Amino acid sequence: MIFVTGGSGLVGSFLIPALVARGLRVRALYRKEIPLIAAADAVEWVEGDLRDTTLLKAALEGVTHVFHCAGLVSYAPQDEEALLQVNVEGTAAVVDACLEQAGVRLCHVSSVAALGGGKAQDAGTVSASPEVLDESSKWELGAAHGAYATSKYLAELEVWRGISEGLWAVMVNPSVILGPANWQRSSTRLFRYAWQEHSFYTPGNLNLVDVRDVVGLMLRLTLDSATGGERYILNGGTLPLQEFLSRVATCFGKKPPTIEVPEWAAETIWRLEHVRSLVTGARPLITKDTARAGRHPVVYNAGKVQQATGQPFRPLSETIAWCCQELKAAEQAAM
């Protein structure tokens, strides 16, 4: 019996059908509405909040494996408290529930953001050479980290706490996960940006990975491996943002962005957006974290997981073409 949190998210919506295809029984947590995903009818759905310890304890009865995919991704200043509640307190509750169920194996979906890095994040500092990070990279306690990255780092500490108390667990740290999903959510907004033929782009690189590779590696590391107490970077490759958007636009038959936003403009825009968000309560279109993300390029080394599993990553060109095809079909069906 497998228990999944975050079944409505990008990873969860591909993980659940993969588990069902293996012939496994799946129980999944949801809030408000059961997600409209493939194989939803084969799932035992449990309604509730991630931080409800009593509910989690009951939901894990008879469970052998837990895939903790639920999490909040946001760079908006208004969401700092929510990030701590969902990503940190929610993970702590899952870990505690797992500890009470003997023999449970936990797979926690973290993020490369939890590795830290990006040393040159201050205004006016730019680096041409990329910083290469792997699983041994240390979180710099004195550095300025964004709220999202901090929440994912603190969530990992909860998993390490569980491991120290005897929990079998692995953590995966994916980069930006690509997959066909809701236009308004997750990384799919990047595809929507290209679809709408926006002209502007910011300098910097994207580290990217196919959602099908993420799910496949999660299954192998959790169900097919005896090695616990480890974390694994999942990264299929790196592309400049401008090149990524151009490839997507070409796949869609759209005009690619051609105007690079200079750094001084990005610095001005995020400050104006911050003021606007404070006055109106609306989400900022660009934040300090997103404006400065490309100042110091980072590359994530995924050699550890490939050595452990032997599973290669799909080429990014194949992933982009697949996402565009699926998203275009969904858009045409909705018309």
Protein backbone atom coordinates (compact mmCIF):
# COMPACT_ATOMS: atom_id res chain seq x y z
CA MET A 1 0.00 0.00 0.00
CA ILE A 2 1.43 3.32 -1.12
CA PHE A 3 0.50 6.68 0.39
CA VAL A 4 0.97 9.82 -1.73
CA THR A 5 0.74 13.48 -0.78
CA GLY A 6 0.43 16.15 -3.44
CA GLY A 7 -1.47 14.03 -5.93
CA SER A 8 -2.78 17.08 -7.77
CA GLY A 9 0.69 18.50 -8.43
CA LEU A 10 2.87 17.86 -11.45
CA VAL A 11 4.92 15.07 -9.87
CA GLY A 12 1.97 13.46 -8.10
CA SER A 13 -0.22 13.46 -11.22
CA PHE A 14 2.39 11.35 -13.03
CA LEU A 15 3.48 9.30 -10.02
CA ILE A 16 0.03 7.95 -9.14
CA PRO A 17 -0.68 6.43 -12.60
CA ALA A 18 2.82 4.91 -12.58
CA LEU A 19 2.15 3.28 -9.21
CA VAL A 20 -1.23 1.96 -10.37
CA ALA A 21 0.41 0.61 -13.55
CA ARG A 22 2.73 -1.41 -11.32
CA GLY A 23 -0.31 -3.06 -9.78
CA LEU A 24 0.16 -1.32 -6.44
CA ARG A 25 -2.61 -0.11 -4.17
CA VAL A 26 -2.55 3.65 -3.75
CA ARG A 27 -3.99 5.89 -1.06
CA ALA A 28 -3.62 9.63 -1.56
CA LEU A 29 -4.29 12.82 0.35
CA TYR A 30 -6.31 15.64 -1.20
CA ARG A 31 -7.83 18.95 -0.19
CA LYS A 32 -11.20 20.32 -1.36
CA GLU A 33 -11.53 18.32 -4.60
CA ILE A 34 -10.21 14.98 -5.85
CA PRO A 35 -7.71 15.78 -8.60
CA LEU A 36 -8.66 15.07 -12.20
CA ILE A 37 -5.70 12.86 -13.06
CA ALA A 38 -5.20 9.56 -14.84
CA ALA A 39 -6.02 6.45 -12.74
CA ALA A 40 -7.87 8.57 -10.16
CA ASP A 41 -10.64 5.97 -9.97
CA ALA A 42 -8.15 3.35 -8.79
CA VAL A 43 -7.03 5.46 -5.81
CA GLU A 44 -8.33 5.45 -2.24
CA TRP A 45 -8.63 9.18 -1.59
CA VAL A 46 -8.33 10.73 1.87
CA GLU A 47 -9.50 14.30 2.41
CA GLY A 48 -7.58 16.42 4.89
CA ASP A 49 -4.78 18.80 5.75
CA LEU A 50 -1.13 17.86 5.51
CA ARG A 51 -0.48 19.08 9.06
CA ASP A 52 -3.29 17.05 10.62
CA THR A 53 -1.22 14.54 12.59
CA THR A 54 -4.22 12.47 13.68
CA LEU A 55 -5.44 12.11 10.10
CA LEU A 56 -1.97 11.20 8.83
CA LYS A 57 -1.55 8.54 11.49
CA ALA A 58 -4.83 6.92 10.42
CA ALA A 59 -4.03 7.30 6.71
CA LEU A 60 -0.73 5.44 7.12
CA GLU A 61 -2.29 2.33 8.67
CA GLY A 62 -1.18 -0.64 6.55
CA VAL A 63 1.03 1.57 4.38
CA THR A 64 4.48 0.36 3.33
CA HIS A 65 5.76 3.32 1.30
CA VAL A 66 5.11 7.07 1.42
CA PHE A 67 5.81 9.49 -1.42
CA HIS A 68 5.70 13.02 -0.01
CA CYS A 69 5.19 15.19 -3.09
CA ALA A 70 3.10 17.96 -1.56
CA GLY A 71 4.74 21.35 -1.33
CA LEU A 72 4.28 25.03 -1.98
CA VAL A 73 6.41 26.80 -4.59
CA SER A 74 6.29 30.58 -4.30
CA TYR A 75 8.67 33.53 -4.36
CA ALA A 76 6.07 36.07 -3.26
CA PRO A 77 6.81 37.83 0.06
CA GLN A 78 3.20 37.28 1.15
CA ASP A 79 3.72 33.52 1.17
CA GLU A 80 6.65 33.25 3.58
CA GLU A 81 4.48 32.00 6.44
CA ALA A 82 2.58 29.61 4.17
CA LEU A 83 5.89 28.19 2.89
CA LEU A 84 6.93 27.34 6.43
CA GLN A 85 3.53 25.85 7.23
CA VAL A 86 3.25 23.65 4.15
CA ASN A 87 6.86 22.74 3.41
CA VAL A 88 8.32 22.55 6.91
CA GLU A 89 5.45 21.81 9.29
CA GLY A 90 3.79 19.56 6.72
CA THR A 91 6.99 17.53 6.21
CA ALA A 92 7.51 17.28 9.98
CA ALA A 93 4.00 15.84 10.33
CA VAL A 94 4.62 13.29 7.56
CA VAL A 95 7.92 12.24 9.14
CA ASP A 96 6.30 11.82 12.56
CA ALA A 97 3.49 9.73 11.07
CA CYS A 98 6.03 7.52 9.28
CA LEU A 99 8.00 6.99 12.48
CA GLU A 100 4.88 5.63 14.16
CA GLN A 101 4.34 3.06 11.39
CA ALA A 102 7.04 0.39 11.63
CA GLY A 103 8.88 -0.43 8.42
CA VAL A 104 7.59 2.46 6.32
CA ARG A 105 9.83 3.79 3.56
CA LEU A 106 9.63 7.50 2.76
CA CYS A 107 10.54 9.31 -0.45
CA HIS A 108 10.61 13.06 0.08
CA VAL A 109 10.47 15.38 -2.92
CA SER A 110 12.77 18.26 -2.08
CA SER A 111 14.38 20.70 -4.52
CA VAL A 112 17.78 21.79 -5.75
CA ALA A 113 16.92 25.04 -3.97
CA ALA A 114 17.64 23.22 -0.69
CA LEU A 115 21.29 22.87 -1.70
CA GLY A 116 21.91 26.59 -1.37
CA GLY A 117 24.40 27.99 -3.87
CA GLY A 118 24.08 31.11 -5.95
CA LYS A 119 26.83 32.94 -4.09
CA ALA A 120 26.58 36.15 -6.09
CA GLN A 121 23.00 37.19 -5.43
CA ASP A 122 23.67 40.81 -4.49
CA ALA A 123 22.73 43.60 -6.85
CA GLY A 124 25.44 44.49 -9.31
CA THR A 125 27.40 41.24 -8.98
CA VAL A 126 27.55 38.97 -11.99
CA SER A 127 29.48 35.76 -12.59
CA ALA A 128 30.21 34.24 -15.98
CA SER A 129 31.44 30.84 -14.78
CA PRO A 130 28.81 28.48 -13.37
CA GLU A 131 28.90 27.18 -9.83
CA VAL A 132 28.66 23.37 -9.85
CA LEU A 133 26.72 21.84 -6.96
CA ASP A 134 26.22 18.22 -5.96
CA GLU A 135 24.70 16.39 -2.98
CA SER A 136 27.70 17.20 -0.78
CA SER A 137 27.16 20.97 -1.12
CA LYS A 138 26.72 22.69 2.23
CA TRP A 139 24.00 25.14 3.10
CA GLU A 140 25.61 28.47 4.05
CA LEU A 141 23.90 29.56 7.24
CA GLY A 142 25.14 33.13 6.98
CA ALA A 143 24.14 33.65 3.36
CA ALA A 144 20.99 35.37 2.16
CA HIS A 145 18.56 32.66 1.03
CA GLY A 146 15.06 33.15 -0.31
CA ALA A 147 12.03 32.02 1.68
CA TYR A 148 11.27 29.12 -0.68
CA ALA A 149 14.82 27.75 -0.59
CA THR A 150 14.91 28.11 3.19
CA SER A 151 11.64 26.24 3.59
CA LYS A 152 12.91 23.33 1.46
CA TYR A 153 16.18 23.21 3.41
CA LEU A 154 14.32 23.16 6.74
CA ALA A 155 11.99 20.47 5.38
CA GLU A 156 15.03 18.32 4.58
CA LEU A 157 16.23 18.77 8.16
CA GLU A 158 12.95 17.20 9.30
CA VAL A 159 13.64 14.18 7.08
CA TRP A 160 17.20 13.90 8.39
CA ARG A 161 15.72 14.00 11.90
CA GLY A 162 13.47 11.09 10.99
CA ILE A 163 16.44 9.17 9.56
CA SER A 164 18.38 9.72 12.79
CA GLU A 165 15.42 8.22 14.66
CA GLY A 166 15.40 5.09 12.51
CA LEU A 167 13.24 6.06 9.51
CA TRP A 168 14.17 4.63 6.10
CA ALA A 169 14.04 7.59 3.74
CA VAL A 170 15.49 9.00 0.54
CA MET A 171 15.25 12.54 -0.75
CA VAL A 172 15.20 13.65 -4.37
CA ASN A 173 16.25 17.17 -5.34
CA PRO A 174 14.82 17.91 -8.80
CA SER A 175 15.63 21.04 -10.74
CA VAL A 176 12.83 22.76 -12.72
CA ILE A 177 10.46 19.91 -13.58
CA LEU A 178 8.98 19.95 -17.07
CA GLY A 179 5.70 18.29 -17.93
CA PRO A 180 2.30 19.09 -19.46
CA ALA A 181 0.08 20.44 -16.70
CA ASN A 182 -2.14 23.40 -15.85
CA TRP A 183 -1.01 26.56 -17.71
CA GLN A 184 -1.33 28.55 -14.50
CA ARG A 185 0.80 26.35 -12.26
CA SER A 186 4.34 25.23 -11.75
CA SER A 187 6.91 25.27 -14.55
CA THR A 188 4.17 25.03 -17.18
CA ARG A 189 3.87 28.80 -16.88
CA LEU A 190 7.15 28.98 -18.83
CA PHE A 191 5.43 27.27 -21.75
CA ARG A 192 2.47 29.62 -21.42
CA TYR A 193 4.85 32.60 -21.53
CA ALA A 194 6.22 31.40 -24.88
CA TRP A 195 2.72 30.57 -26.16
CA GLN A 196 1.63 34.16 -25.50
CA GLU A 197 4.58 35.47 -27.54
CA HIS A 198 6.05 37.79 -24.93
CA SER A 199 9.05 39.73 -26.22
CA PHE A 200 11.19 39.96 -23.09
CA TYR A 201 13.52 37.53 -21.35
CA THR A 202 16.06 37.79 -18.56
CA PRO A 203 19.66 36.54 -18.71
CA GLY A 204 20.54 33.32 -16.94
CA ASN A 205 20.21 29.56 -17.21
CA LEU A 206 17.57 27.00 -16.33
CA ASN A 207 18.36 23.56 -14.91
CA LEU A 208 15.62 21.24 -16.21
CA VAL A 209 14.38 17.68 -15.81
CA ASP A 210 11.54 15.64 -17.34
CA VAL A 211 8.74 14.74 -14.93
CA ARG A 212 8.76 11.18 -16.33
CA ASP A 213 12.42 10.84 -15.34
CA VAL A 214 11.67 12.23 -11.87
CA VAL A 215 8.90 9.68 -11.32
CA GLY A 216 10.92 6.79 -12.73
CA LEU A 217 13.86 7.56 -10.46
CA MET A 218 11.64 7.99 -7.41
CA LEU A 219 10.17 4.54 -8.01
CA ARG A 220 13.57 2.92 -8.45
CA LEU A 221 15.13 4.62 -5.43
CA THR A 222 12.18 3.90 -3.14
CA LEU A 223 10.70 0.61 -4.31
CA ASP A 224 13.63 -1.14 -5.99
CA SER A 225 16.63 -0.06 -3.90
CA ALA A 226 17.76 -1.09 -0.43
CA THR A 227 19.83 2.05 0.12
CA GLY A 228 18.27 4.70 2.35
CA GLY A 229 19.56 7.79 4.12
CA GLU A 230 20.61 9.50 0.88
CA ARG A 231 19.58 12.43 -1.27
CA TYR A 232 19.86 12.60 -5.04
CA ILE A 233 19.95 15.51 -7.46
CA LEU A 234 17.66 15.00 -10.46
CA ASN A 235 18.72 17.26 -13.32
CA GLY A 236 18.51 16.45 -17.02
CA GLY A 237 20.48 19.41 -18.34
CA THR A 238 20.95 23.17 -18.47
CA LEU A 239 19.77 25.72 -21.04
CA PRO A 240 19.90 29.52 -21.20
CA LEU A 241 16.41 30.86 -20.53
CA GLN A 242 16.36 32.61 -23.90
CA GLU A 243 17.22 29.37 -25.72
CA PHE A 244 14.59 27.43 -23.78
CA LEU A 245 11.86 29.96 -24.57
CA SER A 246 12.93 30.06 -28.23
CA ARG A 247 12.76 26.28 -28.53
CA VAL A 248 9.30 26.23 -26.95
CA ALA A 249 8.07 29.08 -29.16
CA THR A 250 9.35 27.27 -32.24
CA CYS A 251 7.53 24.09 -31.20
CA PHE A 252 4.33 26.10 -30.79
CA GLY A 253 4.83 27.96 -34.07
CA LYS A 254 5.05 31.22 -32.13
CA LYS A 255 7.42 34.19 -32.20
CA PRO A 256 10.28 33.77 -29.68
CA PRO A 257 11.31 36.51 -27.25
CA THR A 258 14.06 38.77 -28.58
CA ILE A 259 14.57 41.57 -26.04
CA GLU A 260 16.87 40.94 -23.08
CA VAL A 261 15.90 42.76 -19.90
CA PRO A 262 19.03 44.53 -18.57
CA GLU A 263 20.00 43.97 -14.96
CA TRP A 264 19.29 47.55 -13.89
CA ALA A 265 15.77 47.24 -15.27
CA ALA A 266 15.17 43.95 -13.45
CA GLU A 267 16.34 45.58 -10.20
CA THR A 268 13.92 48.46 -10.72
CA ILE A 269 11.01 46.24 -11.72
CA TRP A 270 11.19 43.90 -8.72
CA ARG A 271 11.22 46.88 -6.34
CA LEU A 272 8.19 48.42 -8.04
CA GLU A 273 6.44 45.05 -8.02
CA HIS A 274 7.19 44.65 -4.33
CA VAL A 275 5.54 48.00 -3.54
CA ARG A 276 2.57 47.17 -5.77
CA SER A 277 2.07 43.81 -4.05
CA LEU A 278 2.17 45.42 -0.60
CA VAL A 279 -0.39 48.05 -1.60
CA THR A 280 -2.78 45.83 -3.56
CA GLY A 281 -2.13 42.39 -2.06
CA ALA A 282 -1.59 41.00 -5.57
CA ARG A 283 1.19 38.54 -6.35
CA PRO A 284 4.29 40.27 -7.77
CA LEU A 285 5.13 39.39 -11.37
CA ILE A 286 8.83 39.41 -10.50
CA THR A 287 10.54 39.21 -7.08
CA LYS A 288 14.06 39.88 -5.84
CA ASP A 289 14.79 36.14 -5.96
CA THR A 290 13.59 35.67 -9.53
CA ALA A 291 15.21 38.91 -10.73
CA ARG A 292 18.61 37.85 -9.42
CA ALA A 293 18.39 34.15 -10.17
CA GLY A 294 20.63 34.42 -13.23
CA ARG A 295 23.33 36.57 -11.68
CA HIS A 296 25.42 33.58 -10.70
CA PRO A 297 24.77 30.58 -12.95
CA VAL A 298 24.50 27.22 -11.21
CA VAL A 299 24.79 23.73 -12.68
CA TYR A 300 23.57 20.72 -10.70
CA ASN A 301 25.55 17.51 -11.04
CA ALA A 302 23.25 14.48 -11.24
CA GLY A 303 26.01 11.89 -11.50
CA LYS A 304 25.18 10.28 -8.17
CA VAL A 305 21.68 9.14 -9.13
CA GLN A 306 22.85 7.89 -12.53
CA GLN A 307 25.57 5.84 -10.87
CA ALA A 308 23.07 4.46 -8.34
CA THR A 309 20.36 3.53 -10.85
CA GLY A 310 21.94 3.47 -14.31
CA GLN A 311 18.89 5.36 -15.60
CA PRO A 312 19.75 8.09 -18.14
CA PHE A 313 17.86 11.34 -18.45
CA ARG A 314 15.82 12.09 -21.53
CA PRO A 315 17.29 14.74 -23.85
CA LEU A 316 15.77 18.16 -23.14
CA SER A 317 14.84 18.51 -26.81
CA GLU A 318 12.64 15.41 -26.50
CA THR A 319 11.06 16.69 -23.29
CA ILE A 320 10.29 20.11 -24.73
CA ALA A 321 8.74 18.60 -27.87
CA TRP A 322 6.59 16.25 -25.78
CA CYS A 323 5.37 19.02 -23.49
CA CYS A 324 4.54 21.31 -26.40
CA GLN A 325 2.64 18.59 -28.22
CA GLU A 326 0.56 17.69 -25.15
CA LEU A 327 -0.10 21.31 -24.18
CA LYS A 328 -1.05 22.30 -27.72
CA ALA A 329 -3.46 19.36 -27.95
CA ALA A 330 -5.04 20.31 -24.62
CA GLU A 331 -5.39 23.94 -25.71
CA GLN A 332 -7.03 22.96 -28.98
CA ALA A 333 -9.40 20.58 -27.20
CA ALA A 334 -10.49 23.36 -24.88
CA MET A 335 -11.31 25.72 -27.76
